[in-house]
């Protein structure tokens, strides 16, 4: 056996808000990596001091060491947060698992001056997200290139993202999605129905960050124009003017139930797991954690028909592209069809989206990184296909030039 693999290696997980995980795909991933790989490797997780009060901070969690930095893990502060995490990790870690590209500017220096191994997840095509201003988009576009070029291994969480990195960078990205088997089907209790009377009837459900790229405004307006079933939607409404305006406009509509963020997993599972339909509006990114969780619960999925969501659901869900098509899909839903779609979604999730399977993939990547010096290159023929043809074929995400 290779000498590198006979002893515990030190892994630094960089770019998450931290653990214990309250909410978010990267945070949940970090927690499950600790649980599944913590016996084989020494793991350190960097945490945001902005999200954990001094009374909540602990030095270790489930055997992993925790380090706190006085920055937010999201937004503009993610740049110094990730940068300082990377610098600190250079003093002890063998492998840097970097989740996101915010601190990627420093990776060329890490490669030149150290022998540390770098595994990076680019977290979807971040620079295309509508929430960023022009300057941020330019930086993320540039940082994405540095992340892929100077990592030993880059991770895509979706085949559509893998196609994109192959086309733009000639990189053979590794596909690792997210797990979903931490969710549970929770029975409706009398107490729950007293708090949420809609649990007694059919309803559609959605949980997401309240951002334009998640088509929240489109989905809310569509449900005001149909009486097929009400919509229950959970999100961080008060974080932006966009969310506040939507909350004010739709909170009194009889067919819509707007709820603030729910961080209790059991309560969230009651609301989500007993829905008749899960509506997924994400238009950017890769494999979305909330989508695979809904799939694992066996919910019928009505998703934005972009390539990422079609790949995640193996093209077996229901899809919409705009308000009109969403209304049409809702109105033609019938029970037998919902049952079949729900069964299909659960079968896909149980085959692909379990944490033991995801952790095993990461373990293999750590072993590979420890024994590699150069990345494998690929040549993508899609570079030679005009954008109008990509659009016609449903592969617009493969456009590799900057387009704001």
Protein backbone atom coordinates (compact mmCIF):
# COMPACT_ATOMS: atom_id res chain seq x y z
CA UNK A 1 0.00 0.00 0.00
CA UNK A 2 1.18 3.51 -0.73
CA UNK A 3 2.93 5.01 2.30
CA UNK A 4 0.85 8.18 1.92
CA UNK A 5 -2.33 6.24 2.64
CA UNK A 6 -1.19 4.20 5.67
CA UNK A 7 -1.39 7.13 8.05
CA UNK A 8 -4.00 9.74 8.77
CA UNK A 9 -3.82 12.78 6.53
CA UNK A 10 -4.82 16.26 7.60
CA UNK A 11 -7.70 17.73 5.59
CA UNK A 12 -8.81 21.36 5.84
CA UNK A 13 -12.37 22.09 4.74
CA UNK A 14 -12.55 25.71 3.58
CA UNK A 15 -15.46 27.87 2.41
CA UNK A 16 -18.39 26.78 4.55
CA UNK A 17 -20.27 28.79 7.17
CA UNK A 18 -19.25 26.05 9.57
CA UNK A 19 -20.54 23.19 11.66
CA UNK A 20 -22.85 22.21 13.28
CA UNK A 21 -24.72 22.75 10.02
CA UNK A 22 -27.79 24.94 10.32
CA UNK A 23 -28.62 25.37 6.68
CA UNK A 24 -26.83 25.14 3.36
CA UNK A 25 -25.40 22.52 1.05
CA UNK A 26 -21.70 23.02 1.82
CA UNK A 27 -22.32 23.02 5.57
CA UNK A 28 -24.29 19.78 5.42
CA UNK A 29 -21.57 18.29 3.22
CA UNK A 30 -18.88 19.25 5.74
CA UNK A 31 -20.83 17.65 8.58
CA UNK A 32 -21.24 14.36 6.72
CA UNK A 33 -17.61 14.29 5.64
CA UNK A 34 -16.67 14.62 9.30
CA UNK A 35 -18.95 11.70 10.18
CA UNK A 36 -17.85 9.41 7.34
CA UNK A 37 -14.16 10.28 6.96
CA UNK A 38 -13.25 11.45 10.46
CA UNK A 39 -11.96 8.02 11.53
CA UNK A 40 -9.54 7.88 8.59
CA UNK A 41 -8.35 11.48 8.44
CA UNK A 42 -7.79 14.45 10.76
CA UNK A 43 -10.28 17.08 9.65
CA UNK A 44 -10.31 20.81 10.37
CA UNK A 45 -13.29 22.96 9.41
CA UNK A 46 -13.12 26.74 9.13
CA UNK A 47 -16.17 28.51 10.53
CA UNK A 48 -17.56 32.03 10.28
CA UNK A 49 -17.33 33.97 13.51
CA UNK A 50 -20.19 36.11 12.19
CA UNK A 51 -22.61 33.16 12.33
CA UNK A 52 -21.61 31.49 15.58
CA UNK A 53 -21.75 33.55 18.75
CA UNK A 54 -18.99 33.15 21.32
CA UNK A 55 -21.28 30.99 23.45
CA UNK A 56 -21.91 28.68 20.48
CA UNK A 57 -18.27 28.22 19.54
CA UNK A 58 -16.51 24.97 20.39
CA UNK A 59 -12.99 23.80 19.61
CA UNK A 60 -14.07 20.47 18.16
CA UNK A 61 -17.16 18.82 16.72
CA UNK A 62 -17.61 15.08 16.20
CA UNK A 63 -13.84 14.71 16.28
CA UNK A 64 -13.07 17.53 13.83
CA UNK A 65 -11.16 20.63 14.86
CA UNK A 66 -12.95 23.95 14.33
CA UNK A 67 -11.31 27.30 13.59
CA UNK A 68 -13.25 30.57 13.59
CA UNK A 69 -12.49 33.65 11.51
CA UNK A 70 -14.15 37.07 11.99
CA UNK A 71 -15.72 37.22 8.53
CA UNK A 72 -18.93 36.19 6.83
CA UNK A 73 -18.62 33.10 4.62
CA UNK A 74 -20.90 34.59 1.97
CA UNK A 75 -20.92 37.77 -0.11
CA UNK A 76 -17.89 40.02 -0.48
CA UNK A 77 -16.46 38.93 2.88
CA UNK A 78 -16.05 35.42 1.51
CA UNK A 79 -12.86 36.61 -0.26
CA UNK A 80 -10.87 37.41 2.93
CA UNK A 81 -12.62 34.55 4.75
CA UNK A 82 -11.50 31.93 2.25
CA UNK A 83 -8.10 33.57 1.72
CA UNK A 84 -7.16 33.57 5.41
CA UNK A 85 -8.50 30.04 5.79
CA UNK A 86 -6.23 28.85 2.97
CA UNK A 87 -3.19 30.65 4.41
CA UNK A 88 -3.77 29.20 7.87
CA UNK A 89 -4.32 25.70 6.49
CA UNK A 90 -0.92 25.78 4.77
CA UNK A 91 0.74 25.43 8.18
CA UNK A 92 -0.68 21.96 8.89
CA UNK A 93 -2.94 20.47 6.20
CA UNK A 94 -1.94 17.91 3.58
CA UNK A 95 -5.07 18.47 1.51
CA UNK A 96 -7.09 21.68 1.14
CA UNK A 97 -10.71 20.98 0.23
CA UNK A 98 -11.90 24.40 -0.94
CA UNK A 99 -15.64 24.81 -1.43
CA UNK A 100 -16.22 27.79 -3.73
CA UNK A 101 -13.91 30.05 -5.72
CA UNK A 102 -13.87 33.27 -3.66
CA UNK A 103 -10.31 32.77 -2.42
CA UNK A 104 -8.96 31.27 -5.64
CA UNK A 105 -6.71 34.27 -6.38
CA UNK A 106 -4.17 32.88 -3.92
CA UNK A 107 -4.03 29.34 -5.36
CA UNK A 108 -1.28 30.06 -7.91
CA UNK A 109 1.01 31.05 -5.02
CA UNK A 110 0.03 27.92 -3.07
CA UNK A 111 1.00 25.76 -6.05
CA UNK A 112 4.28 27.58 -6.66
CA UNK A 113 5.56 27.78 -3.09
CA UNK A 114 4.10 24.69 -1.37
CA UNK A 115 3.43 21.04 -2.05
CA UNK A 116 -0.07 21.14 -0.60
CA UNK A 117 -2.77 19.31 -2.53
CA UNK A 118 -5.80 21.34 -3.60
CA UNK A 119 -9.26 19.97 -4.31
CA UNK A 120 -11.80 22.62 -5.25
CA UNK A 121 -15.54 22.59 -5.85
CA UNK A 122 -16.49 25.51 -8.06
CA UNK A 123 -20.09 25.44 -6.77
CA UNK A 124 -21.90 25.82 -10.08
CA UNK A 125 -21.21 28.66 -12.48
CA UNK A 126 -21.23 31.26 -9.75
CA UNK A 127 -20.45 34.30 -11.92
CA UNK A 128 -23.70 33.85 -13.84
CA UNK A 129 -25.88 34.33 -10.77
CA UNK A 130 -28.12 37.40 -10.92
CA UNK A 131 -27.45 38.34 -7.30
CA UNK A 132 -23.93 39.60 -8.07
CA UNK A 133 -23.14 43.09 -9.32
CA UNK A 134 -20.95 43.58 -12.39
CA UNK A 135 -17.67 43.87 -10.47
CA UNK A 136 -18.39 40.73 -8.46
CA UNK A 137 -19.26 38.84 -11.64
CA UNK A 138 -15.99 39.86 -13.23
CA UNK A 139 -14.04 38.71 -10.17
CA UNK A 140 -15.86 35.37 -9.92
CA UNK A 141 -15.39 34.77 -13.65
CA UNK A 142 -11.65 35.35 -13.24
CA UNK A 143 -11.42 33.41 -9.95
CA UNK A 144 -13.22 30.40 -11.44
CA UNK A 145 -10.45 30.11 -14.03
CA UNK A 146 -7.74 30.26 -11.36
CA UNK A 147 -9.58 27.68 -9.24
CA UNK A 148 -9.77 25.14 -12.03
CA UNK A 149 -6.25 25.79 -13.38
CA UNK A 150 -4.36 25.69 -10.09
CA UNK A 151 -6.21 22.92 -8.27
CA UNK A 152 -5.03 19.33 -8.46
CA UNK A 153 -8.63 18.17 -8.82
CA UNK A 154 -11.76 20.22 -9.47
CA UNK A 155 -15.26 19.03 -8.62
CA UNK A 156 -18.50 19.62 -10.47
CA UNK A 157 -21.73 18.73 -8.72
CA UNK A 158 -23.59 18.14 -11.97
CA UNK A 159 -22.85 16.70 -15.43
CA UNK A 160 -23.88 20.01 -17.00
CA UNK A 161 -21.18 21.81 -14.99
CA UNK A 162 -18.66 19.13 -15.99
CA UNK A 163 -19.49 19.83 -19.63
CA UNK A 164 -18.95 23.54 -19.01
CA UNK A 165 -15.53 23.17 -17.35
CA UNK A 166 -14.42 20.80 -20.11
CA UNK A 167 -15.50 23.30 -22.77
CA UNK A 168 -14.01 26.36 -21.14
CA UNK A 169 -10.87 25.01 -19.44
CA UNK A 170 -10.19 21.59 -20.96
CA UNK A 171 -10.40 20.16 -17.44
CA UNK A 172 -11.67 16.69 -16.61
CA UNK A 173 -13.77 17.68 -13.62
CA UNK A 174 -14.96 15.01 -11.17
CA UNK A 175 -18.69 14.79 -10.54
CA UNK A 176 -19.80 14.60 -6.91
CA UNK A 177 -23.33 15.65 -6.04
CA UNK A 178 -24.93 16.14 -2.61
CA UNK A 179 -26.49 13.62 -0.27
CA UNK A 180 -30.11 13.74 0.81
CA UNK A 181 -30.68 10.82 3.15
CA UNK A 182 -30.48 13.06 6.23
CA UNK A 183 -34.06 14.06 5.44
CA UNK A 184 -36.93 12.05 6.88
CA UNK A 185 -40.60 11.57 6.18
CA UNK A 186 -42.24 12.98 9.30
CA UNK A 187 -45.90 12.33 10.04
CA UNK A 188 -48.28 15.24 10.50
CA UNK A 189 -49.25 15.79 14.12
CA UNK A 190 -52.23 17.58 15.58
CA UNK A 191 -49.87 20.23 16.93
CA UNK A 192 -48.43 20.77 13.44
CA UNK A 193 -51.86 21.17 11.84
CA UNK A 194 -52.83 23.72 14.47
CA UNK A 195 -49.80 25.79 13.51
CA UNK A 196 -50.07 25.06 9.78
CA UNK A 197 -53.70 24.30 8.81
CA UNK A 198 -52.74 23.82 5.15
CA UNK A 199 -51.22 20.45 6.14
CA UNK A 200 -54.75 18.99 6.03
CA UNK A 201 -55.02 19.51 2.27
CA UNK A 202 -52.93 19.23 -0.89
CA UNK A 203 -50.31 21.95 -1.26
CA UNK A 204 -47.18 22.76 -3.24
CA UNK A 205 -43.94 23.52 -1.40
CA UNK A 206 -40.72 25.42 -2.06
CA UNK A 207 -37.73 26.31 0.11
CA UNK A 208 -34.93 28.51 -1.23
CA UNK A 209 -32.93 31.67 -0.90
CA UNK A 210 -35.15 34.53 -2.02
CA UNK A 211 -33.22 35.65 -5.08
CA UNK A 212 -34.29 36.48 -8.66
CA UNK A 213 -32.32 33.56 -10.11
CA UNK A 214 -34.62 31.20 -8.21
CA UNK A 215 -37.60 32.63 -10.12
CA UNK A 216 -39.44 33.36 -6.87
CA UNK A 217 -41.42 36.24 -8.42
CA UNK A 218 -42.49 34.05 -11.34
CA UNK A 219 -43.61 31.20 -9.10
CA UNK A 220 -45.53 33.44 -6.69
CA UNK A 221 -47.38 35.19 -9.52
CA UNK A 222 -48.23 31.86 -11.15
CA UNK A 223 -49.88 30.56 -7.98
CA UNK A 224 -52.04 33.68 -7.75
CA UNK A 225 -53.49 32.66 -11.11
CA UNK A 226 -54.40 29.07 -10.26
CA UNK A 227 -56.57 27.52 -7.58
CA UNK A 228 -55.33 23.96 -8.16
CA UNK A 229 -53.44 23.99 -4.83
CA UNK A 230 -51.87 26.60 -2.55
CA UNK A 231 -48.14 27.29 -2.42
CA UNK A 232 -46.15 27.16 0.80
CA UNK A 233 -42.79 28.88 0.37
CA UNK A 234 -39.99 29.18 2.94
CA UNK A 235 -37.08 31.59 2.58
CA UNK A 236 -35.01 34.50 3.84
CA UNK A 237 -37.48 37.21 2.80
CA UNK A 238 -36.04 39.97 4.95
CA UNK A 239 -32.47 39.76 3.63
CA UNK A 240 -32.99 41.87 0.49
CA UNK A 241 -35.29 44.48 -1.01
CA UNK A 242 -36.33 41.85 -3.55
CA UNK A 243 -37.53 39.52 -0.79
CA UNK A 244 -39.17 42.25 1.26
CA UNK A 245 -41.17 43.52 -1.70
CA UNK A 246 -42.39 40.02 -2.60
CA UNK A 247 -43.34 39.32 1.00
CA UNK A 248 -45.37 42.53 1.15
CA UNK A 249 -47.06 41.90 -2.20
CA UNK A 250 -48.04 38.24 -1.74
CA UNK A 251 -48.27 37.53 1.98
CA UNK A 252 -52.00 38.24 2.11
CA UNK A 253 -52.95 36.23 -0.96
CA UNK A 254 -55.24 33.31 -0.01
CA UNK A 255 -53.39 30.82 -2.23
CA UNK A 256 -49.92 31.60 -0.86
CA UNK A 257 -48.35 30.92 2.54
CA UNK A 258 -45.08 32.79 3.06
CA UNK A 259 -42.89 31.47 5.88
CA UNK A 260 -39.61 32.76 7.27
CA UNK A 261 -36.52 30.49 7.37
CA UNK A 262 -36.95 27.23 9.29
CA UNK A 263 -33.71 25.86 10.76
CA UNK A 264 -35.29 22.97 12.63
CA UNK A 265 -34.83 19.93 10.38
CA UNK A 266 -37.82 18.02 11.77
CA UNK A 267 -40.21 20.94 11.33
CA UNK A 268 -38.93 21.53 7.81
CA UNK A 269 -39.37 17.85 6.99
CA UNK A 270 -42.98 17.91 8.20
CA UNK A 271 -43.83 20.75 5.85
CA UNK A 272 -41.76 19.53 2.92
CA UNK A 273 -42.31 15.79 3.27
CA UNK A 274 -46.09 16.00 3.27
CA UNK A 275 -46.41 18.27 0.26
CA UNK A 276 -48.20 17.08 -2.86
CA UNK A 277 -45.74 18.86 -5.16
CA UNK A 278 -42.27 20.39 -4.89
CA UNK A 279 -41.62 23.46 -7.06
CA UNK A 280 -37.98 24.14 -7.92
CA UNK A 281 -37.20 27.41 -9.67
CA UNK A 282 -33.40 27.55 -9.62
CA UNK A 283 -32.05 28.77 -12.93
CA UNK A 284 -28.31 28.77 -12.13
CA UNK A 285 -25.84 26.52 -10.40
CA UNK A 286 -25.53 22.75 -10.47
CA UNK A 287 -27.03 20.03 -8.32
CA UNK A 288 -29.16 21.87 -5.77
CA UNK A 289 -29.33 20.39 -2.23
CA UNK A 290 -32.99 21.31 -1.68
CA UNK A 291 -33.92 19.58 -4.93
CA UNK A 292 -32.20 16.28 -4.12
CA UNK A 293 -33.68 16.36 -0.61
CA UNK A 294 -37.19 16.71 -2.06
CA UNK A 295 -36.43 13.87 -4.47
CA UNK A 296 -35.27 11.61 -1.64
CA UNK A 297 -38.54 12.26 0.18
CA UNK A 298 -40.39 10.99 -2.88
CA UNK A 299 -41.99 14.31 -3.77
CA UNK A 300 -43.18 14.94 -7.33
CA UNK A 301 -40.90 17.63 -8.78
CA UNK A 302 -41.98 20.54 -10.98
CA UNK A 303 -38.70 22.21 -11.89
CA UNK A 304 -37.32 24.99 -14.00
CA UNK A 305 -36.33 23.12 -17.15
CA UNK A 306 -32.72 24.30 -17.34
CA UNK A 307 -30.04 21.71 -18.06
CA UNK A 308 -28.81 21.48 -14.44
CA UNK A 309 -32.21 20.48 -13.10
CA UNK A 310 -32.89 18.06 -15.94
CA UNK A 311 -29.59 16.31 -15.29
CA UNK A 312 -30.24 16.11 -11.53
CA UNK A 313 -33.69 14.60 -12.07
CA UNK A 314 -32.54 12.47 -15.04
CA UNK A 315 -35.15 14.22 -17.18
CA UNK A 316 -37.97 12.38 -15.39
CA UNK A 317 -39.61 15.28 -13.51
CA UNK A 318 -42.14 17.88 -14.69
CA UNK A 319 -40.70 21.11 -16.10
CA UNK A 320 -41.57 24.73 -16.82
CA UNK A 321 -39.74 27.61 -18.47
CA UNK A 322 -41.85 30.70 -17.64
CA UNK A 323 -44.99 31.81 -15.84
CA UNK A 324 -47.36 30.59 -18.54
CA UNK A 325 -45.86 27.10 -18.75
CA UNK A 326 -45.78 26.87 -14.95
CA UNK A 327 -49.48 27.69 -14.71
CA UNK A 328 -50.23 25.16 -17.45
CA UNK A 329 -48.30 22.40 -15.67
CA UNK A 330 -50.01 23.10 -12.33
CA UNK A 331 -53.47 23.07 -13.89
CA UNK A 332 -53.00 19.76 -15.70
CA UNK A 333 -51.56 17.87 -12.73
CA UNK A 334 -53.45 14.74 -11.73
CA UNK A 335 -52.94 12.30 -8.85
CA UNK A 336 -51.67 9.28 -10.78
CA UNK A 337 -49.08 11.37 -12.60
CA UNK A 338 -47.84 12.92 -9.36
CA UNK A 339 -47.51 9.48 -7.78
CA UNK A 340 -45.43 8.19 -10.67
CA UNK A 341 -43.14 11.23 -10.78
CA UNK A 342 -42.62 11.02 -7.01
CA UNK A 343 -41.64 7.36 -7.23
CA UNK A 344 -39.24 8.10 -10.09
CA UNK A 345 -37.60 10.93 -8.16
CA UNK A 346 -37.10 8.81 -5.06
CA UNK A 347 -35.59 5.97 -7.08
CA UNK A 348 -33.04 8.34 -8.61
CA UNK A 349 -32.19 9.89 -5.22
CA UNK A 350 -31.69 6.55 -3.45
CA UNK A 351 -29.37 5.45 -6.22
CA UNK A 352 -27.32 8.66 -6.50
CA UNK A 353 -27.81 11.03 -3.57
CA UNK A 354 -26.84 9.27 -0.32
CA UNK A 355 -24.17 10.64 1.99
CA UNK A 356 -22.22 7.38 2.31
CA UNK A 357 -21.91 7.32 -1.47
CA UNK A 358 -20.90 11.00 -1.60
CA UNK A 359 -18.32 10.61 1.20
CA UNK A 360 -16.82 7.58 -0.53
CA UNK A 361 -16.31 9.68 -3.68
CA UNK A 362 -14.53 12.37 -1.65
CA UNK A 363 -12.34 9.76 0.01
CA UNK A 364 -11.23 8.52 -3.40
CA UNK A 365 -10.46 12.10 -4.47
CA UNK A 366 -8.29 12.68 -1.39
CA UNK A 367 -6.31 9.55 -2.24
CA UNK A 368 -6.00 10.63 -5.87
CA UNK A 369 -4.89 14.15 -4.92
CA UNK A 370 -2.17 12.83 -2.64
CA UNK A 371 -0.74 10.88 -5.56
CA UNK A 372 -1.08 13.33 -8.42
CA UNK A 373 0.91 16.31 -9.56
CA UNK A 374 -0.81 17.29 -12.81
CA UNK A 375 -4.43 17.36 -13.94
CA UNK A 376 -5.88 15.34 -16.77
CA UNK A 377 -6.86 17.47 -19.76
CA UNK A 378 -9.73 16.99 -22.18
CA UNK A 379 -10.63 18.65 -25.46
CA UNK A 380 -14.29 19.68 -25.77
CA UNK A 381 -15.65 19.72 -29.30
CA UNK A 382 -18.47 22.03 -28.16
CA UNK A 383 -15.99 24.90 -28.34
CA UNK A 384 -16.53 24.85 -32.08
CA UNK A 385 -20.36 24.94 -31.96
CA UNK A 386 -21.96 28.40 -32.44
CA UNK A 387 -23.98 29.67 -29.48
CA UNK A 388 -27.27 29.76 -31.42
CA UNK A 389 -26.92 26.03 -32.06
CA UNK A 390 -26.11 25.35 -28.40
CA UNK A 391 -29.24 27.28 -27.46
CA UNK A 392 -31.35 25.29 -29.91
CA UNK A 393 -29.99 22.00 -28.54
CA UNK A 394 -30.77 23.01 -24.94
CA UNK A 395 -27.10 23.36 -23.96
CA UNK A 396 -26.78 27.12 -23.54
CA UNK A 397 -24.78 26.58 -20.33
CA UNK A 398 -21.84 25.47 -22.49
CA UNK A 399 -21.28 29.03 -23.69
CA UNK A 400 -17.89 29.77 -22.20
CA UNK A 401 -17.35 33.48 -22.79
CA UNK A 402 -18.31 36.18 -20.33
CA UNK A 403 -21.88 37.33 -20.86
CA UNK A 404 -23.58 39.52 -18.27
